[in-house]
N, C-alpha and C. Protein backbone atom coordinates (compact mmCIF):
# COMPACT_ATOMS: atom_id res chain seq x y z
N MET A 1 -60.35 -42.08 12.16
CA MET A 1 -59.83 -43.57 11.26
C MET A 1 -60.56 -44.72 12.57
N ALA A 2 -61.29 -45.60 12.14
CA ALA A 2 -61.95 -46.92 12.44
C ALA A 2 -60.81 -47.19 13.95
N LYS A 3 -61.92 -47.90 15.05
CA LYS A 3 -61.01 -48.28 15.81
C LYS A 3 -60.63 -49.88 15.65
N PRO A 4 -59.53 -49.95 15.94
CA PRO A 4 -58.76 -51.42 15.51
C PRO A 4 -59.67 -53.01 16.57
N SER A 5 -60.44 -53.70 15.48
CA SER A 5 -61.22 -54.73 16.03
C SER A 5 -60.56 -55.40 16.96
N ALA A 6 -60.70 -56.17 17.97
CA ALA A 6 -60.29 -56.91 19.10
C ALA A 6 -59.29 -57.85 19.03
N ARG A 7 -59.49 -58.53 17.40
CA ARG A 7 -58.32 -59.31 17.11
C ARG A 7 -57.10 -58.62 16.79
N GLU A 8 -57.09 -57.55 16.18
CA GLU A 8 -56.16 -56.55 16.16
C GLU A 8 -55.29 -55.73 16.98
N ARG A 9 -56.37 -55.64 17.82
CA ARG A 9 -55.38 -55.07 19.10
C ARG A 9 -54.94 -55.86 19.90
N ILE A 10 -55.07 -57.22 20.09
CA ILE A 10 -54.42 -58.77 20.59
C ILE A 10 -53.21 -58.66 20.24
N LEU A 11 -53.37 -58.54 18.51
CA LEU A 11 -51.81 -58.85 17.58
C LEU A 11 -51.20 -58.06 17.90
N GLY A 12 -51.61 -56.41 18.37
CA GLY A 12 -50.86 -55.34 18.60
C GLY A 12 -50.19 -55.57 19.67
N SER A 13 -50.79 -55.98 20.43
CA SER A 13 -50.31 -56.22 22.17
C SER A 13 -49.50 -56.89 22.20
N TYR A 14 -49.30 -58.01 21.54
CA TYR A 14 -48.17 -59.38 21.61
C TYR A 14 -46.84 -59.05 20.76
N GLU A 15 -47.42 -58.25 19.67
CA GLU A 15 -46.07 -57.31 18.74
C GLU A 15 -45.61 -56.35 19.77
N VAL A 16 -46.14 -56.11 20.53
CA VAL A 16 -45.52 -54.93 21.44
C VAL A 16 -45.00 -55.69 22.48
N ILE A 17 -45.39 -56.68 23.36
CA ILE A 17 -44.74 -57.16 24.19
C ILE A 17 -43.74 -57.81 23.51
N LEU A 18 -43.62 -58.51 22.60
CA LEU A 18 -42.35 -59.61 22.51
C LEU A 18 -41.55 -58.17 21.54
N ALA A 19 -41.66 -57.30 21.24
CA ALA A 19 -40.59 -56.53 20.49
C ALA A 19 -40.14 -55.88 21.76
N ASP A 20 -40.93 -55.23 22.55
CA ASP A 20 -39.79 -55.09 24.10
C ASP A 20 -39.55 -55.53 25.38
N ARG A 21 -40.15 -56.94 25.36
CA ARG A 21 -39.56 -57.86 26.09
C ARG A 21 -38.99 -59.26 25.87
N GLY A 22 -39.63 -59.65 24.52
CA GLY A 22 -38.96 -60.89 24.26
C GLY A 22 -39.68 -62.10 24.05
N PRO A 23 -39.69 -62.92 23.67
CA PRO A 23 -40.63 -64.06 23.96
C PRO A 23 -40.95 -65.25 25.35
N ALA A 24 -40.29 -64.66 26.10
CA ALA A 24 -40.23 -65.25 27.47
C ALA A 24 -41.05 -64.60 28.21
N GLU A 25 -41.46 -63.15 27.88
CA GLU A 25 -42.09 -62.74 28.83
C GLU A 25 -43.82 -62.59 28.26
N ILE A 26 -44.00 -63.27 27.24
CA ILE A 26 -45.28 -63.39 26.72
C ILE A 26 -45.85 -64.70 26.89
N THR A 27 -47.27 -63.83 27.72
CA THR A 27 -48.43 -65.10 28.34
C THR A 27 -49.74 -64.60 27.65
N LEU A 28 -50.31 -65.41 27.65
CA LEU A 28 -51.50 -65.50 27.33
C LEU A 28 -52.75 -63.97 28.00
N ASP A 29 -52.18 -64.05 29.30
CA ASP A 29 -52.86 -63.54 30.09
C ASP A 29 -52.04 -61.87 30.13
N ALA A 30 -50.79 -61.93 30.07
CA ALA A 30 -50.39 -60.62 29.67
C ALA A 30 -50.69 -60.02 28.56
N VAL A 31 -50.67 -60.79 27.90
CA VAL A 31 -51.38 -59.76 25.83
C VAL A 31 -52.65 -59.40 26.32
N ALA A 32 -53.60 -60.82 26.93
CA ALA A 32 -54.80 -59.85 26.92
C ALA A 32 -55.31 -58.49 28.05
N ALA A 33 -54.19 -58.25 29.21
CA ALA A 33 -54.31 -57.43 29.67
C ALA A 33 -53.74 -56.45 28.87
N HIS A 34 -52.95 -56.63 28.15
CA HIS A 34 -52.30 -55.22 27.47
C HIS A 34 -53.48 -54.50 26.51
N ALA A 35 -53.85 -55.51 25.88
CA ALA A 35 -54.63 -55.29 24.80
C ALA A 35 -56.19 -55.11 25.49
N GLY A 36 -56.35 -55.16 26.87
CA GLY A 36 -57.41 -54.57 27.33
C GLY A 36 -59.05 -55.60 26.99
N VAL A 37 -58.43 -56.59 26.57
CA VAL A 37 -59.37 -57.89 26.43
C VAL A 37 -59.79 -59.15 27.61
N SER A 38 -60.53 -60.02 27.86
CA SER A 38 -60.41 -60.77 28.93
C SER A 38 -59.76 -61.80 27.67
N LYS A 39 -58.98 -62.94 29.09
CA LYS A 39 -58.65 -64.19 28.38
C LYS A 39 -58.95 -65.24 27.47
N GLY A 40 -60.51 -65.01 28.16
CA GLY A 40 -61.20 -65.87 26.74
C GLY A 40 -61.48 -65.34 25.72
N GLY A 41 -61.56 -63.82 25.66
CA GLY A 41 -61.72 -62.93 24.23
C GLY A 41 -60.63 -62.97 23.87
N LEU A 42 -59.19 -63.21 24.29
CA LEU A 42 -58.17 -63.21 23.80
C LEU A 42 -58.31 -64.62 22.60
N LEU A 43 -58.45 -65.75 23.34
CA LEU A 43 -58.72 -67.20 23.14
C LEU A 43 -59.86 -67.72 21.94
N TYR A 44 -60.92 -66.74 21.98
CA TYR A 44 -61.63 -66.47 20.44
C TYR A 44 -61.00 -66.53 19.37
N HIS A 45 -60.03 -65.29 19.62
CA HIS A 45 -59.70 -64.98 18.51
C HIS A 45 -58.00 -65.65 17.90
N PHE A 46 -57.67 -65.96 19.00
CA PHE A 46 -56.58 -66.86 19.19
C PHE A 46 -55.93 -67.87 20.14
N GLY A 47 -56.46 -68.87 19.80
CA GLY A 47 -56.28 -70.49 20.94
C GLY A 47 -54.72 -70.81 21.51
N SER A 48 -53.95 -70.16 21.15
CA SER A 48 -52.73 -70.38 21.69
C SER A 48 -51.44 -69.32 21.01
N LYS A 49 -50.49 -69.46 22.49
CA LYS A 49 -49.59 -68.71 22.02
C LYS A 49 -48.55 -69.14 20.22
N ASP A 50 -48.87 -70.27 20.35
CA ASP A 50 -48.81 -70.70 18.52
C ASP A 50 -49.88 -69.92 17.40
N ALA A 51 -50.97 -69.70 17.95
CA ALA A 51 -51.67 -68.99 17.04
C ALA A 51 -51.33 -67.46 17.17
N LEU A 52 -51.22 -67.13 18.48
CA LEU A 52 -50.54 -65.82 18.10
C LEU A 52 -49.27 -65.64 17.40
N ARG A 53 -48.91 -66.03 17.42
CA ARG A 53 -46.84 -66.14 16.36
C ARG A 53 -47.82 -66.11 15.04
N ASP A 54 -48.53 -66.87 14.81
CA ASP A 54 -48.84 -67.24 12.93
C ASP A 54 -49.75 -66.17 12.83
N GLY A 55 -50.72 -65.26 13.86
CA GLY A 55 -51.26 -64.36 13.44
C GLY A 55 -50.05 -62.67 12.91
N LEU A 56 -48.82 -63.05 14.18
CA LEU A 56 -47.80 -62.06 13.56
C LEU A 56 -47.13 -62.20 12.50
N LEU A 57 -46.83 -63.36 12.39
CA LEU A 57 -46.30 -63.62 11.38
C LEU A 57 -47.28 -63.52 9.45
N GLU A 58 -48.39 -63.82 9.79
CA GLU A 58 -49.47 -63.24 8.60
C GLU A 58 -49.02 -62.21 8.30
N ARG A 59 -49.42 -61.34 9.45
CA ARG A 59 -48.98 -59.84 9.51
C ARG A 59 -47.96 -59.56 8.81
N LEU A 60 -46.62 -59.98 9.12
CA LEU A 60 -45.20 -59.67 8.75
C LEU A 60 -45.63 -60.18 7.15
N GLU A 61 -45.76 -61.06 6.05
CA GLU A 61 -45.96 -61.65 5.50
C GLU A 61 -46.87 -60.18 3.95
N ARG A 62 -48.15 -59.68 5.24
CA ARG A 62 -49.26 -59.13 4.37
C ARG A 62 -47.95 -57.82 3.97
N LEU A 63 -47.99 -57.35 5.17
CA LEU A 63 -47.29 -56.09 5.23
C LEU A 63 -45.72 -55.94 3.93
N THR A 64 -45.28 -56.84 4.25
CA THR A 64 -43.99 -57.22 3.38
C THR A 64 -44.31 -57.20 1.82
N ASP A 65 -45.25 -57.72 1.68
CA ASP A 65 -46.32 -57.74 0.13
C ASP A 65 -46.41 -56.34 0.17
N ASP A 66 -47.63 -55.66 0.90
CA ASP A 66 -47.86 -54.36 0.59
C ASP A 66 -46.56 -53.09 0.29
N ASP A 67 -45.51 -53.96 1.18
CA ASP A 67 -44.09 -52.90 0.70
C ASP A 67 -43.79 -53.00 -0.70
N LEU A 68 -43.62 -54.40 -0.73
CA LEU A 68 -43.01 -54.50 -2.44
C LEU A 68 -43.66 -53.64 -3.50
N GLU A 69 -44.88 -53.70 -2.90
CA GLU A 69 -45.43 -53.53 -4.39
C GLU A 69 -46.11 -51.68 -4.49
N ARG A 70 -45.57 -51.02 -3.08
CA ARG A 70 -45.49 -49.97 -3.13
C ARG A 70 -43.98 -49.69 -3.58
N ALA A 71 -42.91 -50.42 -3.40
CA ALA A 71 -41.41 -49.98 -4.33
C ALA A 71 -42.05 -50.19 -5.51
N ARG A 72 -42.47 -51.61 -6.05
CA ARG A 72 -42.46 -51.38 -7.53
C ARG A 72 -43.74 -50.25 -8.03
N ASN A 73 -43.94 -49.83 -7.96
CA ASN A 73 -44.54 -48.68 -8.09
C ASN A 73 -44.19 -47.00 -7.88
N ALA A 74 -43.19 -47.10 -6.82
CA ALA A 74 -42.56 -45.99 -6.51
C ALA A 74 -41.71 -44.99 -7.62
N PRO A 75 -42.34 -43.55 -7.76
CA PRO A 75 -41.64 -42.82 -8.74
C PRO A 75 -40.22 -42.73 -8.66
N GLU A 76 -39.32 -43.00 -7.49
CA GLU A 76 -38.10 -43.07 -7.42
C GLU A 76 -37.46 -44.27 -7.69
N GLY A 77 -38.24 -45.01 -8.15
CA GLY A 77 -37.68 -46.32 -8.41
C GLY A 77 -37.25 -47.34 -7.22
N VAL A 78 -37.66 -48.39 -7.60
CA VAL A 78 -37.34 -49.88 -6.11
C VAL A 78 -35.87 -49.33 -5.46
N VAL A 79 -34.97 -48.82 -6.54
CA VAL A 79 -33.70 -49.38 -5.11
C VAL A 79 -33.66 -48.10 -4.57
N ARG A 80 -34.29 -46.71 -4.88
CA ARG A 80 -34.30 -45.42 -4.12
C ARG A 80 -35.18 -45.40 -3.27
N TYR A 81 -37.02 -46.23 -3.04
CA TYR A 81 -37.73 -46.38 -2.52
C TYR A 81 -37.04 -47.31 -1.11
N TYR A 82 -36.53 -48.30 -1.29
CA TYR A 82 -35.61 -49.16 -0.69
C TYR A 82 -34.80 -49.21 0.07
N LEU A 83 -33.96 -48.26 -0.49
CA LEU A 83 -32.54 -47.81 0.21
C LEU A 83 -33.60 -46.76 1.66
N ARG A 84 -34.01 -45.65 1.08
CA ARG A 84 -35.10 -44.93 1.71
C ARG A 84 -35.73 -45.13 2.87
N SER A 85 -36.57 -46.36 2.56
CA SER A 85 -37.35 -46.61 3.59
C SER A 85 -36.65 -47.37 4.37
N ALA A 86 -35.38 -47.93 4.22
CA ALA A 86 -34.98 -49.00 5.05
C ALA A 86 -34.68 -47.78 6.53
N ILE A 87 -34.56 -47.14 5.97
CA ILE A 87 -34.30 -45.61 7.26
C ILE A 87 -36.15 -45.08 7.47
N THR A 88 -36.37 -44.52 6.65
CA THR A 88 -37.51 -44.49 7.47
C THR A 88 -38.60 -44.93 7.88
N ASP A 89 -38.89 -46.30 7.19
CA ASP A 89 -39.58 -47.27 8.61
C ASP A 89 -39.55 -47.24 9.48
N VAL A 90 -37.94 -47.08 10.05
CA VAL A 90 -37.95 -47.33 11.25
C VAL A 90 -37.64 -45.61 12.05
N THR A 91 -37.81 -44.73 11.42
CA THR A 91 -37.88 -43.30 12.26
C THR A 91 -39.39 -42.85 11.87
N ARG A 92 -39.98 -43.11 11.50
CA ARG A 92 -41.52 -43.22 11.10
C ARG A 92 -42.62 -43.89 11.81
N ASP A 93 -41.46 -44.68 12.43
CA ASP A 93 -42.15 -46.34 13.27
C ASP A 93 -43.47 -46.97 12.70
N LEU A 94 -43.56 -46.90 11.39
CA LEU A 94 -44.13 -47.59 10.28
C LEU A 94 -44.87 -48.93 10.92
N ALA A 95 -45.58 -49.73 10.61
CA ALA A 95 -46.57 -50.87 10.92
C ALA A 95 -45.14 -52.02 10.24
N LEU A 96 -44.89 -51.43 9.33
CA LEU A 96 -43.62 -53.03 9.21
C LEU A 96 -42.61 -53.09 10.23
N HIS A 97 -41.70 -51.67 10.73
CA HIS A 97 -40.91 -51.74 11.03
C HIS A 97 -41.47 -52.37 12.65
N ARG A 98 -42.41 -52.28 13.16
CA ARG A 98 -42.59 -52.84 14.58
C ARG A 98 -43.05 -54.16 13.97
N THR A 99 -43.54 -54.79 13.31
CA THR A 99 -43.83 -56.17 13.08
C THR A 99 -42.33 -57.15 12.42
N THR A 100 -41.57 -56.75 12.19
CA THR A 100 -40.41 -56.51 12.00
C THR A 100 -39.41 -56.94 12.96
N MET A 101 -39.50 -56.25 13.99
CA MET A 101 -38.73 -56.19 15.38
C MET A 101 -39.60 -57.09 15.92
N ALA A 102 -40.54 -57.16 16.19
CA ALA A 102 -41.27 -58.67 16.94
C ALA A 102 -40.73 -59.92 16.02
N ALA A 103 -41.20 -60.06 15.21
CA ALA A 103 -40.41 -61.11 14.37
C ALA A 103 -39.38 -61.55 14.53
N LEU A 104 -38.18 -60.65 14.83
CA LEU A 104 -36.77 -60.56 14.97
C LEU A 104 -36.49 -61.37 16.25
N ARG A 105 -37.52 -60.83 17.35
CA ARG A 105 -37.17 -61.32 18.47
C ARG A 105 -37.36 -63.12 18.43
N LEU A 106 -38.49 -63.92 17.51
CA LEU A 106 -38.53 -65.33 17.60
C LEU A 106 -37.70 -66.28 16.69
N VAL A 107 -37.26 -65.28 15.54
CA VAL A 107 -36.35 -65.52 14.68
C VAL A 107 -35.25 -67.05 15.03
N LEU A 108 -34.85 -66.62 16.31
CA LEU A 108 -33.29 -67.26 16.21
C LEU A 108 -33.87 -68.90 17.08
N ASN A 109 -35.17 -68.67 17.45
CA ASN A 109 -35.33 -69.66 18.51
C ASN A 109 -36.87 -70.74 18.23
N ASP A 110 -37.26 -70.11 16.89
CA ASP A 110 -38.25 -70.70 16.66
C ASP A 110 -38.41 -70.69 14.64
N PRO A 111 -38.11 -71.89 14.11
CA PRO A 111 -37.98 -72.50 13.25
C PRO A 111 -39.39 -71.82 12.01
N VAL A 112 -40.52 -71.86 12.56
CA VAL A 112 -41.44 -71.10 11.69
C VAL A 112 -41.06 -70.37 11.13
N ALA A 113 -40.94 -69.29 12.35
CA ALA A 113 -40.74 -67.73 12.47
C ALA A 113 -39.60 -67.54 11.29
N ALA A 114 -38.64 -68.16 11.94
CA ALA A 114 -37.11 -68.33 10.40
C ALA A 114 -37.36 -68.44 8.73
N GLU A 115 -38.48 -69.60 9.00
CA GLU A 115 -38.87 -69.86 7.99
C GLU A 115 -39.66 -68.27 6.99
N VAL A 116 -40.50 -67.79 7.38
CA VAL A 116 -41.15 -66.88 7.12
C VAL A 116 -40.50 -65.82 7.09
N SER A 117 -38.93 -65.40 8.27
CA SER A 117 -38.64 -64.31 7.55
C SER A 117 -37.99 -64.78 6.33
N ARG A 118 -37.18 -65.63 5.92
CA ARG A 118 -36.69 -66.27 4.62
C ARG A 118 -37.34 -66.20 3.59
N ARG A 119 -38.52 -66.16 3.49
CA ARG A 119 -39.62 -66.43 2.96
C ARG A 119 -39.63 -64.73 1.89
N CYS A 120 -39.62 -63.94 3.28
CA CYS A 120 -40.17 -62.53 3.20
C CYS A 120 -38.69 -61.92 2.26
N THR A 121 -37.28 -62.46 2.94
CA THR A 121 -36.62 -61.87 2.31
C THR A 121 -36.15 -62.40 0.82
N GLU A 122 -36.52 -63.73 0.65
CA GLU A 122 -36.81 -64.06 -0.80
C GLU A 122 -37.33 -63.37 -1.81
N ARG A 123 -38.95 -62.72 -1.11
CA ARG A 123 -39.71 -61.92 -2.09
C ARG A 123 -39.40 -60.49 -2.60
N THR A 124 -38.34 -60.20 -1.86
CA THR A 124 -37.53 -59.32 -2.24
C THR A 124 -36.63 -59.22 -2.58
N ARG A 125 -35.80 -60.14 -2.60
CA ARG A 125 -34.80 -60.47 -3.46
C ARG A 125 -34.92 -60.62 -4.89
N GLU A 126 -36.68 -61.05 -5.37
CA GLU A 126 -36.94 -60.92 -6.22
C GLU A 126 -37.55 -59.93 -6.88
N MET A 127 -38.06 -59.09 -6.39
CA MET A 127 -38.14 -57.82 -6.93
C MET A 127 -36.87 -57.04 -6.98
N MET A 128 -36.24 -57.49 -6.53
CA MET A 128 -35.13 -56.63 -6.72
C MET A 128 -34.31 -56.98 -7.95
N LEU A 129 -34.41 -58.08 -8.54
CA LEU A 129 -33.67 -58.60 -9.54
C LEU A 129 -34.67 -58.28 -10.38
N GLU A 130 -35.71 -57.78 -10.43
CA GLU A 130 -36.87 -57.63 -11.06
C GLU A 130 -36.11 -56.40 -11.86
N HIS A 131 -35.34 -55.21 -10.75
CA HIS A 131 -35.21 -54.06 -11.37
C HIS A 131 -34.05 -53.37 -11.37
N VAL A 132 -32.64 -54.49 -10.73
CA VAL A 132 -31.33 -54.44 -10.82
C VAL A 132 -30.58 -55.67 -11.76
N GLU A 133 -30.12 -55.56 -12.94
CA GLU A 133 -29.65 -56.06 -13.83
C GLU A 133 -28.95 -57.34 -13.40
N ASP A 134 -28.13 -56.65 -12.77
CA ASP A 134 -26.76 -57.76 -12.25
C ASP A 134 -27.03 -58.35 -10.90
N PRO A 135 -27.24 -59.43 -10.99
CA PRO A 135 -27.31 -60.24 -9.50
C PRO A 135 -26.95 -59.89 -8.17
N LEU A 136 -25.47 -59.36 -8.59
CA LEU A 136 -24.63 -58.93 -7.21
C LEU A 136 -24.93 -57.72 -6.76
N THR A 137 -24.88 -56.83 -7.97
CA THR A 137 -25.73 -55.47 -7.20
C THR A 137 -27.11 -55.50 -6.63
N ALA A 138 -27.92 -56.43 -6.90
CA ALA A 138 -29.14 -56.54 -6.60
C ALA A 138 -28.53 -56.98 -5.03
N GLU A 139 -28.03 -57.61 -4.53
CA GLU A 139 -27.89 -58.77 -3.04
C GLU A 139 -26.97 -57.17 -2.60
N LEU A 140 -26.17 -56.74 -2.87
CA LEU A 140 -25.46 -55.14 -2.46
C LEU A 140 -26.25 -54.57 -1.94
N VAL A 141 -27.46 -54.21 -2.71
CA VAL A 141 -28.21 -53.19 -2.16
C VAL A 141 -29.06 -53.58 -1.30
N MET A 142 -29.64 -54.87 -1.44
CA MET A 142 -29.79 -55.58 -0.21
C MET A 142 -29.74 -55.80 1.66
N LEU A 143 -28.37 -55.65 0.60
CA LEU A 143 -27.14 -55.42 2.16
C LEU A 143 -26.74 -53.98 2.59
N VAL A 144 -26.99 -53.39 1.80
CA VAL A 144 -26.85 -51.97 2.14
C VAL A 144 -27.92 -51.81 2.87
N GLY A 145 -28.91 -51.83 2.24
CA GLY A 145 -30.57 -51.40 2.99
C GLY A 145 -30.78 -51.86 4.53
N GLU A 146 -30.16 -53.18 4.68
CA GLU A 146 -30.30 -53.73 5.50
C GLU A 146 -29.72 -53.49 6.75
N GLY A 147 -28.39 -53.05 6.28
CA GLY A 147 -27.45 -51.86 6.89
C GLY A 147 -27.66 -50.75 7.04
N LEU A 148 -28.69 -49.89 6.76
CA LEU A 148 -28.94 -48.75 6.62
C LEU A 148 -30.21 -49.01 7.83
N TYR A 149 -30.99 -49.89 7.84
CA TYR A 149 -32.24 -49.97 8.59
C TYR A 149 -31.40 -50.60 9.97
N MET A 150 -30.50 -51.63 10.57
CA MET A 150 -29.86 -51.95 11.27
C MET A 150 -29.40 -50.45 12.09
N ARG A 151 -28.66 -49.86 11.16
CA ARG A 151 -28.30 -48.68 11.87
C ARG A 151 -29.37 -47.62 12.37
N ALA A 152 -30.42 -47.61 11.89
CA ALA A 152 -31.80 -46.83 12.27
C ALA A 152 -32.07 -47.62 13.12
N ALA A 153 -32.18 -48.43 13.13
CA ALA A 153 -33.17 -49.60 14.44
C ALA A 153 -32.35 -49.43 15.95
N LEU A 154 -31.11 -49.06 15.84
CA LEU A 154 -29.93 -48.73 16.84
C LEU A 154 -29.85 -47.41 17.39
N GLY A 155 -30.58 -46.69 16.73
CA GLY A 155 -30.96 -45.18 17.12
C GLY A 155 -29.43 -44.11 16.38
N GLU A 156 -29.52 -45.06 15.88
CA GLU A 156 -28.22 -43.75 14.85
C GLU A 156 -28.65 -42.63 14.22
N GLU A 157 -28.38 -41.38 14.63
CA GLU A 157 -28.85 -40.06 13.80
C GLU A 157 -28.75 -40.66 12.18
N VAL A 158 -29.78 -40.23 11.61
CA VAL A 158 -30.28 -40.16 10.55
C VAL A 158 -29.49 -38.77 10.04
N THR A 159 -28.51 -38.52 8.92
CA THR A 159 -28.45 -37.37 8.92
C THR A 159 -28.61 -36.88 7.28
N ASP A 160 -28.96 -35.95 6.88
CA ASP A 160 -28.73 -35.65 5.25
C ASP A 160 -27.93 -35.78 4.31
N SER A 161 -26.24 -35.98 5.41
CA SER A 161 -25.40 -36.92 4.28
C SER A 161 -25.88 -38.13 4.40
N LEU A 162 -26.52 -39.03 5.05
CA LEU A 162 -26.71 -40.32 4.99
C LEU A 162 -27.41 -40.46 4.13
N LEU A 163 -28.41 -39.76 4.22
CA LEU A 163 -29.93 -39.61 2.76
C LEU A 163 -29.31 -39.46 1.31
N ALA A 164 -28.38 -38.35 1.42
CA ALA A 164 -27.75 -38.05 0.48
C ALA A 164 -26.95 -39.21 -0.33
N GLN A 165 -26.03 -40.04 0.49
CA GLN A 165 -25.53 -41.31 -0.10
C GLN A 165 -26.59 -41.97 -0.65
N ILE A 166 -27.49 -42.28 -0.17
CA ILE A 166 -28.52 -43.32 -0.62
C ILE A 166 -28.95 -42.71 -2.16
N GLU A 167 -28.60 -41.37 -2.92
CA GLU A 167 -28.96 -41.15 -4.20
C GLU A 167 -27.35 -41.49 -4.94
N GLU A 168 -26.23 -41.25 -4.29
CA GLU A 168 -25.33 -41.41 -5.03
C GLU A 168 -24.92 -43.09 -5.17
N ILE A 169 -25.38 -44.03 -4.34
CA ILE A 169 -25.39 -45.33 -4.09
C ILE A 169 -26.44 -45.67 -5.51
N ALA A 170 -27.99 -45.18 -5.43
CA ALA A 170 -28.41 -45.22 -6.46
C ALA A 170 -27.92 -44.99 -7.77
N ASP A 171 -27.53 -43.41 -7.75
CA ASP A 171 -27.30 -42.88 -8.99
C ASP A 171 -26.07 -44.07 -10.06
N ARG A 172 -25.02 -44.59 -8.82
CA ARG A 172 -24.27 -45.46 -9.59
C ARG A 172 -24.92 -46.52 -9.75
N ILE A 173 -25.89 -47.39 -9.36
CA ILE A 173 -26.38 -48.67 -10.01
C ILE A 173 -26.89 -48.23 -11.00
N GLU A 174 -27.25 -47.28 -11.08
CA GLU A 174 -28.15 -46.91 -12.17
C GLU A 174 -26.96 -46.89 -13.36
N ALA A 175 -26.23 -46.14 -13.04
CA ALA A 175 -25.11 -46.02 -14.38
C ALA A 175 -24.30 -47.61 -14.69
N GLY A 176 -24.50 -48.66 -13.95
CA GLY A 176 -23.77 -50.31 -14.01
C GLY A 176 -22.66 -49.83 -13.62
N ALA A 177 -22.23 -48.76 -12.62
CA ALA A 177 -20.94 -48.61 -12.21
C ALA A 177 -20.14 -50.41 -11.19
N PRO A 178 -21.54 -50.63 -10.30
CA PRO A 178 -20.63 -51.44 -9.28
C PRO A 178 -20.69 -52.80 -10.58
N ALA A 179 -21.63 -53.03 -11.44
CA ALA A 179 -21.17 -54.40 -12.60
C ALA A 179 -20.53 -54.10 -13.16
N LYS A 180 -19.92 -52.87 -13.93
CA LYS A 180 -18.50 -53.05 -14.15
C LYS A 180 -17.18 -52.95 -13.58
N ALA A 181 -17.06 -52.49 -11.84
CA ALA A 181 -16.51 -52.90 -11.22
C ALA A 181 -15.79 -54.27 -11.43
N THR A 182 -17.10 -55.06 -10.87
CA THR A 182 -16.81 -55.75 -10.77
C THR A 182 -16.10 -57.13 -12.04
N VAL A 183 -16.55 -56.44 -13.08
CA VAL A 183 -15.97 -57.38 -14.48
C VAL A 183 -14.53 -56.61 -14.41
N ALA A 184 -14.23 -55.50 -14.16
CA ALA A 184 -12.62 -54.54 -13.93
C ALA A 184 -12.10 -55.23 -13.39
N ALA A 185 -12.32 -55.70 -12.45
CA ALA A 185 -12.02 -56.58 -10.75
C ALA A 185 -11.31 -57.94 -11.05
N GLY A 186 -12.22 -58.53 -11.80
CA GLY A 186 -12.32 -59.67 -12.83
C GLY A 186 -10.92 -60.23 -13.70
N LEU A 187 -10.92 -58.97 -14.80
CA LEU A 187 -9.82 -59.31 -15.40
C LEU A 187 -8.85 -58.99 -15.08
N ARG A 188 -8.37 -58.44 -13.58
CA ARG A 188 -6.99 -57.60 -13.20
C ARG A 188 -6.95 -58.98 -12.51
N LYS A 189 -7.37 -59.89 -11.88
CA LYS A 189 -7.19 -61.11 -10.98
C LYS A 189 -6.62 -62.09 -12.53
N GLY A 190 -7.21 -62.35 -13.54
CA GLY A 190 -7.01 -63.47 -14.62
C GLY A 190 -6.02 -62.90 -15.34
């Protein structure tokens, strides 16, 4: 495997410091030292903290798009891929997980990061709607995936029974159970 470029090492160091310590700990000196480059070398690739942030957010969008493409082509289907990868991205410490965790540290106080995060979520929603007929069911799948992701990110043990629940959820969605239940619930109210 090829050694990452200085630019990628710098961006990776920014990501690590941001995820581990938060935005308050980000200095150009700290990022350069972590990446093993001079401050001038960092400034050659990223002229400011905003440029580092923008590089991270570009990485987030690229990794999200790559993941959505894998989901669209997954032999097990989009729903199963999405729900399973919500757990495995964390447990296998994949690049998308690491970049997401770093970006989340920015979202609350940085409108640019919040907008990029919204765009990534919207692209995921669009992909889900391509494969799940009912919009409410598609939204519920996303919410379940986000919940599984948070559980895994918070260190909850991933068990075979939790992974089996993914199969049950996907089976119900494919059978149309949630959409039928929604219609039946609406009829009872009327």
